[in-house]
Amino acid sequence: MGIPACVKEDGEIFTDWEGFLKDQGLEPIWPEAADQAKAEIAAQCDLRQHNC
């Protein structure tokens, strides 16, 4: 079994989390891209988290 293994709500166990996300219409991103996206969002937000 692969690590990490994920469990769907119906109990199915799977290890291909990237494929699962793609099947859900989502695109997985890697840490560097996530950090960049987080920085871009933070730059748009004010202290009250408006404009996020």
Protein backbone atom coordinates (compact mmCIF):
# COMPACT_ATOMS: atom_id res chain seq x y z
CA MET A 1 0.00 0.00 0.00
CA GLY A 2 1.23 3.49 -0.75
CA ILE A 3 1.84 6.13 1.83
CA PRO A 4 -0.08 8.33 2.31
CA ALA A 5 -3.25 6.36 1.85
CA CYS A 6 -6.56 8.24 1.82
CA VAL A 7 -10.05 6.98 2.62
CA LYS A 8 -13.11 8.21 0.77
CA GLU A 9 -16.44 8.69 2.55
CA ASP A 10 -17.63 5.35 1.14
CA GLY A 11 -14.65 3.56 2.75
CA GLU A 12 -12.63 3.11 -0.45
CA ILE A 13 -8.89 3.40 0.21
CA PHE A 14 -6.70 4.99 -2.43
CA THR A 15 -3.14 6.25 -2.77
CA ASP A 16 -3.39 8.31 -5.94
CA TRP A 17 -4.46 11.57 -4.31
CA GLU A 18 -3.43 13.59 -7.37
CA GLY A 19 -5.71 11.50 -9.57
CA PHE A 20 -8.49 11.82 -7.02
CA LEU A 21 -8.21 15.63 -7.03
CA LYS A 22 -8.19 15.71 -10.83
CA ASP A 23 -11.28 13.46 -10.90
CA GLN A 24 -12.97 16.04 -8.66
CA GLY A 25 -12.16 18.81 -11.14
CA LEU A 26 -9.31 20.21 -9.04
CA GLU A 27 -5.68 20.74 -10.00
CA PRO A 28 -3.10 19.71 -7.38
CA ILE A 29 -0.38 22.27 -6.70
CA TRP A 30 3.03 21.75 -5.17
CA PRO A 31 4.34 23.56 -2.07
CA GLU A 32 6.25 26.22 -4.03
CA ALA A 33 3.16 27.10 -6.05
CA ALA A 34 1.02 27.04 -2.90
CA ASP A 35 3.42 29.43 -1.15
CA GLN A 36 3.32 31.78 -4.11
CA ALA A 37 -0.48 31.65 -4.29
CA LYS A 38 -0.71 32.30 -0.54
CA ALA A 39 1.58 35.32 -0.83
CA GLU A 40 -0.50 36.72 -3.72
CA ILE A 41 -3.71 36.32 -1.74
CA ALA A 42 -2.16 37.84 1.40
CA ALA A 43 -1.00 40.85 -0.61
CA GLN A 44 -4.64 41.55 -1.55
CA CYS A 45 -6.04 41.21 1.98
CA ASP A 46 -6.19 43.94 4.59
CA LEU A 47 -5.96 43.34 8.35
CA ARG A 48 -9.66 42.54 8.55
CA GLN A 49 -9.23 40.03 5.71
CA HIS A 50 -11.31 42.08 3.27
CA ASN A 51 -10.57 41.82 -0.45
CA CYS A 52 -9.28 38.28 -0.09
